[in-house]
């Protein structure tokens, strides 16, 4: 995932993904320590974009398994949980339908047992190609 853009905690990034023309997704990475909470919030306009989270060691978002996703209709998506493994986590903004402009913010904090544990085997799945 050498081409993933690195984001810092609390940083907001913006972009656009499209189901047309081959620009299906944007991939970001954020460094987290084991036990930290991670919250990813995306808002936007246009089509329908979804959010996927991949664990450290991911090499390809098309073939590797994600550990969490937010696939609401529209562009209002949130993933929240406590990471089990430290390292670079990968956030994929995927164009599910049409063209979507988005803003995405990832924040890190102290861990919490009140939210989902991210990185639990079998908690995600594989995305399908458009």
N, C-alpha and C. Protein backbone atom coordinates (compact mmCIF):
# COMPACT_ATOMS: atom_id res chain seq x y z
N UNK A 1 0.82 -1.17 0.00
CA UNK A 1 0.00 0.00 0.00
C UNK A 1 0.88 1.25 0.00
N UNK A 2 1.93 1.19 -0.77
CA UNK A 2 2.89 2.29 -0.82
C UNK A 2 2.27 3.58 -1.35
N UNK A 3 1.19 3.49 -2.11
CA UNK A 3 0.60 4.71 -2.68
C UNK A 3 -0.46 5.34 -1.78
N UNK A 4 -0.71 4.77 -0.59
CA UNK A 4 -1.69 5.35 0.34
C UNK A 4 -1.15 6.66 0.90
N UNK A 5 -2.01 7.66 0.99
CA UNK A 5 -1.63 8.95 1.57
C UNK A 5 -1.70 8.86 3.08
N UNK A 6 -0.71 9.38 3.77
CA UNK A 6 -0.69 9.36 5.23
C UNK A 6 -1.48 10.56 5.76
N UNK A 7 -2.37 10.29 6.72
CA UNK A 7 -3.09 11.36 7.40
C UNK A 7 -2.72 11.35 8.87
N UNK A 8 -2.76 12.52 9.47
CA UNK A 8 -2.47 12.66 10.90
C UNK A 8 -3.78 12.70 11.67
N UNK A 9 -3.74 12.33 12.94
CA UNK A 9 -4.97 12.36 13.72
C UNK A 9 -5.52 13.77 13.77
N UNK A 10 -6.83 13.86 13.59
CA UNK A 10 -7.51 15.13 13.61
C UNK A 10 -7.45 15.90 12.30
N UNK A 11 -6.64 15.44 11.36
CA UNK A 11 -6.53 16.11 10.07
C UNK A 11 -7.75 15.78 9.20
N UNK A 12 -8.29 16.79 8.53
CA UNK A 12 -9.38 16.58 7.59
C UNK A 12 -8.81 16.58 6.18
N UNK A 13 -9.17 15.56 5.42
CA UNK A 13 -8.76 15.48 4.02
C UNK A 13 -10.02 15.48 3.17
N UNK A 14 -9.89 15.96 1.95
CA UNK A 14 -11.02 16.02 1.04
C UNK A 14 -10.63 15.36 -0.28
N UNK A 15 -11.64 14.87 -0.98
CA UNK A 15 -11.37 14.25 -2.26
C UNK A 15 -12.65 13.97 -3.00
N UNK A 16 -12.50 13.26 -4.10
CA UNK A 16 -13.65 12.86 -4.91
C UNK A 16 -13.38 11.47 -5.47
N UNK A 17 -14.40 10.61 -5.41
CA UNK A 17 -14.32 9.28 -6.00
C UNK A 17 -15.49 9.13 -6.97
N UNK A 18 -15.29 8.29 -7.98
CA UNK A 18 -16.30 8.16 -9.02
C UNK A 18 -16.40 6.72 -9.49
N UNK A 19 -17.60 6.27 -9.69
CA UNK A 19 -17.81 4.94 -10.24
C UNK A 19 -17.48 4.93 -11.72
N UNK A 20 -17.33 6.10 -12.31
CA UNK A 20 -17.03 6.23 -13.73
C UNK A 20 -15.58 6.65 -13.92
N UNK A 21 -14.92 6.15 -14.92
CA UNK A 21 -13.57 6.60 -15.25
C UNK A 21 -12.45 5.94 -14.48
N UNK A 22 -12.72 4.95 -13.66
CA UNK A 22 -11.66 4.21 -12.99
C UNK A 22 -11.14 4.79 -11.69
N UNK A 23 -11.68 5.92 -11.20
CA UNK A 23 -11.23 6.49 -9.93
C UNK A 23 -12.18 6.04 -8.83
N UNK A 24 -12.20 4.74 -8.58
CA UNK A 24 -13.17 4.12 -7.67
C UNK A 24 -12.94 4.45 -6.21
N UNK A 25 -11.67 4.63 -5.82
CA UNK A 25 -11.42 4.82 -4.39
C UNK A 25 -10.18 5.64 -4.12
N UNK A 26 -10.14 6.19 -2.90
CA UNK A 26 -8.97 6.87 -2.35
C UNK A 26 -8.59 6.12 -1.08
N UNK A 27 -7.29 5.86 -0.91
CA UNK A 27 -6.83 5.11 0.24
C UNK A 27 -5.89 5.99 1.07
N UNK A 28 -6.15 6.02 2.38
CA UNK A 28 -5.33 6.77 3.33
C UNK A 28 -4.81 5.80 4.38
N UNK A 29 -3.73 6.19 5.05
CA UNK A 29 -3.25 5.39 6.16
C UNK A 29 -3.03 6.30 7.36
N UNK A 30 -3.27 5.71 8.54
CA UNK A 30 -3.06 6.43 9.79
C UNK A 30 -2.37 5.49 10.77
N UNK A 31 -1.39 6.01 11.47
CA UNK A 31 -0.64 5.19 12.43
C UNK A 31 -1.36 5.21 13.78
N UNK A 32 -1.61 4.02 14.30
CA UNK A 32 -2.28 3.88 15.60
C UNK A 32 -1.51 2.87 16.45
N UNK A 33 -1.55 3.08 17.74
CA UNK A 33 -0.95 2.15 18.69
C UNK A 33 -2.01 1.15 19.15
N UNK A 34 -1.59 -0.06 19.48
CA UNK A 34 -2.53 -1.06 20.00
C UNK A 34 -3.23 -0.50 21.23
N UNK A 35 -4.55 -0.64 21.27
CA UNK A 35 -5.33 -0.17 22.39
C UNK A 35 -5.90 1.24 22.24
N UNK A 36 -5.50 1.95 21.19
CA UNK A 36 -6.05 3.29 20.97
C UNK A 36 -7.43 3.20 20.33
N UNK A 37 -8.26 4.18 20.64
CA UNK A 37 -9.54 4.27 19.95
C UNK A 37 -9.31 5.00 18.63
N UNK A 38 -10.06 4.62 17.62
CA UNK A 38 -9.97 5.22 16.30
C UNK A 38 -11.39 5.56 15.84
N UNK A 39 -11.61 6.81 15.47
CA UNK A 39 -12.90 7.24 14.95
C UNK A 39 -12.66 7.88 13.59
N UNK A 40 -13.37 7.40 12.59
CA UNK A 40 -13.27 7.93 11.23
C UNK A 40 -14.66 8.42 10.83
N UNK A 41 -14.73 9.68 10.44
CA UNK A 41 -16.01 10.28 10.06
C UNK A 41 -15.87 10.85 8.66
N UNK A 42 -16.83 10.50 7.80
CA UNK A 42 -16.85 11.02 6.45
C UNK A 42 -18.19 11.69 6.17
N UNK A 43 -18.14 12.84 5.54
CA UNK A 43 -19.35 13.51 5.06
C UNK A 43 -19.10 13.89 3.61
N UNK A 44 -20.17 14.16 2.87
CA UNK A 44 -19.96 14.53 1.49
C UNK A 44 -21.24 14.79 0.75
N UNK A 45 -21.10 14.93 -0.56
CA UNK A 45 -22.24 15.19 -1.43
C UNK A 45 -22.07 14.43 -2.73
N UNK A 46 -23.16 14.32 -3.44
CA UNK A 46 -23.13 13.61 -4.72
C UNK A 46 -23.65 12.20 -4.56
N UNK A 47 -23.03 11.27 -5.24
CA UNK A 47 -23.46 9.86 -5.28
C UNK A 47 -23.53 9.18 -3.92
N UNK A 48 -22.90 8.05 -3.81
CA UNK A 48 -22.89 7.25 -2.58
C UNK A 48 -21.50 6.66 -2.42
N UNK A 49 -20.75 7.12 -1.43
CA UNK A 49 -19.43 6.59 -1.13
C UNK A 49 -19.48 5.83 0.18
N UNK A 50 -18.73 4.75 0.26
CA UNK A 50 -18.67 3.92 1.46
C UNK A 50 -17.27 3.98 2.05
N UNK A 51 -17.17 3.57 3.30
CA UNK A 51 -15.93 3.65 4.06
C UNK A 51 -15.54 2.25 4.53
N UNK A 52 -14.27 1.88 4.31
CA UNK A 52 -13.76 0.57 4.74
C UNK A 52 -12.46 0.79 5.50
N UNK A 53 -12.23 -0.05 6.52
CA UNK A 53 -11.01 0.02 7.32
C UNK A 53 -10.27 -1.31 7.22
N UNK A 54 -8.98 -1.22 6.89
CA UNK A 54 -8.13 -2.40 6.73
C UNK A 54 -7.02 -2.37 7.77
N UNK A 55 -6.60 -3.53 8.28
CA UNK A 55 -5.59 -3.59 9.34
C UNK A 55 -4.16 -3.45 8.81
N UNK A 56 -3.21 -3.26 9.73
CA UNK A 56 -1.80 -3.26 9.32
C UNK A 56 -1.48 -4.56 8.57
N UNK A 57 -0.61 -4.44 7.59
CA UNK A 57 -0.24 -5.60 6.79
C UNK A 57 -1.04 -5.73 5.51
N UNK A 58 -2.06 -4.89 5.34
CA UNK A 58 -2.86 -4.93 4.12
C UNK A 58 -1.98 -4.56 2.93
N UNK A 59 -2.13 -5.30 1.85
CA UNK A 59 -1.36 -5.00 0.65
C UNK A 59 -2.25 -4.58 -0.53
N UNK A 60 -3.54 -4.92 -0.49
CA UNK A 60 -4.43 -4.61 -1.60
C UNK A 60 -5.87 -4.54 -1.09
N UNK A 61 -6.52 -3.37 -1.23
CA UNK A 61 -7.88 -3.22 -0.73
C UNK A 61 -8.90 -3.98 -1.59
N UNK A 62 -8.51 -4.43 -2.76
CA UNK A 62 -9.43 -5.19 -3.62
C UNK A 62 -9.45 -6.67 -3.25
N UNK A 63 -8.36 -7.17 -2.64
CA UNK A 63 -8.31 -8.60 -2.36
C UNK A 63 -8.19 -8.94 -0.87
N UNK A 64 -7.65 -8.03 -0.06
CA UNK A 64 -7.50 -8.29 1.37
C UNK A 64 -8.82 -8.03 2.10
N UNK A 65 -8.95 -8.61 3.27
CA UNK A 65 -10.18 -8.46 4.06
C UNK A 65 -10.15 -7.19 4.89
N UNK A 66 -11.28 -6.49 4.90
CA UNK A 66 -11.42 -5.33 5.78
C UNK A 66 -11.91 -5.79 7.14
N UNK A 67 -11.71 -4.95 8.17
CA UNK A 67 -12.14 -5.31 9.52
C UNK A 67 -13.36 -4.53 9.97
N UNK A 68 -13.68 -3.44 9.29
CA UNK A 68 -14.87 -2.65 9.62
C UNK A 68 -15.29 -1.87 8.38
N UNK A 69 -16.58 -1.58 8.32
CA UNK A 69 -17.09 -0.79 7.19
C UNK A 69 -18.28 0.04 7.64
N UNK A 70 -18.57 1.06 6.84
CA UNK A 70 -19.78 1.86 7.00
C UNK A 70 -20.32 2.06 5.60
N UNK A 71 -21.50 1.49 5.35
CA UNK A 71 -22.05 1.47 3.99
C UNK A 71 -23.47 2.03 3.95
N UNK A 72 -23.68 3.16 4.64
CA UNK A 72 -24.98 3.82 4.62
C UNK A 72 -25.28 4.35 3.23
N UNK A 73 -26.54 4.58 2.93
CA UNK A 73 -26.91 5.24 1.69
C UNK A 73 -26.48 6.71 1.80
N UNK A 74 -25.80 7.23 0.78
CA UNK A 74 -25.30 8.59 0.82
C UNK A 74 -23.84 8.63 1.23
N UNK A 75 -23.42 9.74 1.78
CA UNK A 75 -22.00 9.93 2.10
C UNK A 75 -21.72 10.22 3.57
N UNK A 76 -22.65 9.91 4.44
CA UNK A 76 -22.46 10.10 5.86
C UNK A 76 -22.07 8.75 6.47
N UNK A 77 -20.78 8.59 6.74
CA UNK A 77 -20.25 7.30 7.19
C UNK A 77 -19.37 7.48 8.42
N UNK A 78 -19.41 6.50 9.34
CA UNK A 78 -18.58 6.52 10.55
C UNK A 78 -18.11 5.12 10.89
N UNK A 79 -16.85 5.01 11.23
CA UNK A 79 -16.29 3.78 11.80
C UNK A 79 -15.65 4.17 13.12
N UNK A 80 -15.95 3.41 14.18
CA UNK A 80 -15.39 3.72 15.49
C UNK A 80 -15.06 2.43 16.20
N UNK A 81 -13.90 2.39 16.86
CA UNK A 81 -13.53 1.21 17.61
C UNK A 81 -12.16 1.36 18.24
N UNK A 82 -11.73 0.32 18.91
CA UNK A 82 -10.41 0.27 19.54
C UNK A 82 -9.54 -0.69 18.74
N UNK A 83 -8.38 -0.22 18.29
CA UNK A 83 -7.52 -1.06 17.47
C UNK A 83 -6.78 -2.08 18.34
N UNK A 84 -6.69 -3.28 17.84
CA UNK A 84 -6.01 -4.35 18.58
C UNK A 84 -4.54 -4.45 18.24
N UNK A 85 -4.17 -3.97 17.07
CA UNK A 85 -2.79 -4.09 16.58
C UNK A 85 -2.26 -2.72 16.22
N UNK A 86 -1.06 -2.40 16.69
CA UNK A 86 -0.44 -1.14 16.32
C UNK A 86 0.14 -1.20 14.92
N UNK A 87 0.25 -0.04 14.30
CA UNK A 87 0.81 0.05 12.96
C UNK A 87 -0.02 0.96 12.09
N UNK A 88 0.22 0.89 10.78
CA UNK A 88 -0.55 1.69 9.84
C UNK A 88 -1.86 0.99 9.50
N UNK A 89 -2.96 1.68 9.75
CA UNK A 89 -4.30 1.22 9.40
C UNK A 89 -4.70 1.95 8.12
N UNK A 90 -5.43 1.27 7.26
CA UNK A 90 -5.78 1.83 5.95
C UNK A 90 -7.27 2.13 5.87
N UNK A 91 -7.57 3.35 5.44
CA UNK A 91 -8.95 3.82 5.30
C UNK A 91 -9.22 3.96 3.81
N UNK A 92 -10.25 3.28 3.34
CA UNK A 92 -10.60 3.31 1.92
C UNK A 92 -11.95 3.98 1.73
N UNK A 93 -11.96 5.06 0.95
CA UNK A 93 -13.20 5.72 0.55
C UNK A 93 -13.53 5.16 -0.83
N UNK A 94 -14.65 4.48 -0.95
CA UNK A 94 -15.00 3.74 -2.16
C UNK A 94 -16.28 4.28 -2.80
N UNK A 95 -16.24 4.56 -4.09
CA UNK A 95 -17.41 5.04 -4.83
C UNK A 95 -18.35 3.87 -5.08
N UNK A 96 -19.44 3.83 -4.34
CA UNK A 96 -20.43 2.77 -4.52
C UNK A 96 -21.38 3.10 -5.67
N UNK A 97 -21.71 4.41 -5.77
CA UNK A 97 -22.65 4.83 -6.80
C UNK A 97 -22.36 6.28 -7.21
N UNK A 98 -22.27 6.54 -8.50
CA UNK A 98 -22.11 7.90 -9.01
C UNK A 98 -20.78 8.53 -8.66
N UNK A 99 -20.79 9.86 -8.50
CA UNK A 99 -19.60 10.65 -8.17
C UNK A 99 -19.84 11.29 -6.81
N UNK A 100 -18.90 11.11 -5.89
CA UNK A 100 -19.03 11.66 -4.53
C UNK A 100 -17.84 12.54 -4.19
N UNK A 101 -18.13 13.73 -3.70
CA UNK A 101 -17.11 14.59 -3.10
C UNK A 101 -17.22 14.38 -1.59
N UNK A 102 -16.08 14.28 -0.90
CA UNK A 102 -16.12 13.95 0.52
C UNK A 102 -15.08 14.72 1.32
N UNK A 103 -15.32 14.78 2.63
CA UNK A 103 -14.34 15.20 3.63
C UNK A 103 -14.26 14.09 4.65
N UNK A 104 -13.05 13.77 5.08
CA UNK A 104 -12.83 12.66 5.99
C UNK A 104 -11.90 13.11 7.11
N UNK A 105 -12.25 12.75 8.35
CA UNK A 105 -11.41 13.06 9.51
C UNK A 105 -11.23 11.78 10.32
N UNK A 106 -9.98 11.51 10.71
CA UNK A 106 -9.68 10.36 11.57
C UNK A 106 -9.09 10.89 12.88
N UNK A 107 -9.63 10.45 14.01
CA UNK A 107 -9.10 10.87 15.30
C UNK A 107 -8.72 9.65 16.12
N UNK A 108 -7.70 9.82 16.93
CA UNK A 108 -7.21 8.76 17.82
C UNK A 108 -7.32 9.23 19.25
N UNK A 109 -7.55 8.30 20.17
CA UNK A 109 -7.64 8.65 21.58
C UNK A 109 -7.33 7.44 22.43
N UNK A 110 -7.53 7.56 23.74
CA UNK A 110 -7.33 6.40 24.61
C UNK A 110 -8.34 5.31 24.27
N UNK A 111 -7.98 4.07 24.49
CA UNK A 111 -8.86 2.95 24.20
C UNK A 111 -10.09 2.93 25.07
N UNK A 112 -11.10 2.21 24.60
CA UNK A 112 -12.35 2.08 25.34
C UNK A 112 -12.95 0.71 25.06
N UNK A 113 -13.46 0.07 26.09
CA UNK A 113 -14.12 -1.22 25.88
C UNK A 113 -15.56 -1.04 25.44
N UNK A 114 -16.03 0.22 25.36
CA UNK A 114 -17.43 0.47 25.01
C UNK A 114 -17.66 0.48 23.51
N UNK A 115 -16.58 0.38 22.72
CA UNK A 115 -16.74 0.38 21.27
C UNK A 115 -16.19 -0.91 20.68
N UNK A 116 -16.49 -1.14 19.44
CA UNK A 116 -16.06 -2.35 18.74
C UNK A 116 -14.54 -2.48 18.76
N UNK A 117 -14.06 -3.71 18.87
CA UNK A 117 -12.64 -3.99 18.77
C UNK A 117 -12.31 -4.18 17.30
N UNK A 118 -11.41 -3.37 16.77
CA UNK A 118 -11.06 -3.42 15.36
C UNK A 118 -9.88 -4.36 15.16
N UNK A 119 -10.03 -5.30 14.26
CA UNK A 119 -8.96 -6.25 13.98
C UNK A 119 -9.31 -7.64 14.45
N UNK A 120 -10.56 -7.87 14.87
CA UNK A 120 -10.99 -9.19 15.31
C UNK A 120 -11.21 -10.06 14.07
N UNK A 121 -10.64 -11.23 14.05
CA UNK A 121 -10.77 -12.13 12.90
C UNK A 121 -12.24 -12.40 12.60
N UNK A 122 -12.59 -12.31 11.33
CA UNK A 122 -13.94 -12.60 10.92
C UNK A 122 -14.91 -11.45 11.08
N UNK A 123 -14.42 -10.27 11.50
CA UNK A 123 -15.35 -9.16 11.73
C UNK A 123 -15.64 -8.35 10.48
N UNK A 124 -14.91 -8.59 9.41
CA UNK A 124 -15.12 -7.82 8.19
C UNK A 124 -15.48 -8.71 7.03
N UNK A 125 -14.81 -8.48 5.95
CA UNK A 125 -15.06 -9.26 4.74
C UNK A 125 -14.23 -8.73 3.61
N UNK A 126 -14.60 -9.11 2.39
CA UNK A 126 -13.93 -8.62 1.21
C UNK A 126 -14.89 -7.77 0.41
N UNK A 127 -14.38 -6.72 -0.16
CA UNK A 127 -15.15 -5.86 -1.03
C UNK A 127 -15.23 -6.50 -2.40
N UNK A 128 -16.26 -6.16 -3.16
CA UNK A 128 -16.36 -6.67 -4.51
C UNK A 128 -15.99 -5.60 -5.51
N UNK A 129 -15.53 -5.99 -6.66
CA UNK A 129 -15.15 -5.06 -7.73
C UNK A 129 -16.40 -4.40 -8.30
N UNK A 130 -16.24 -3.17 -8.81
CA UNK A 130 -17.40 -2.49 -9.41
C UNK A 130 -17.85 -3.18 -10.69
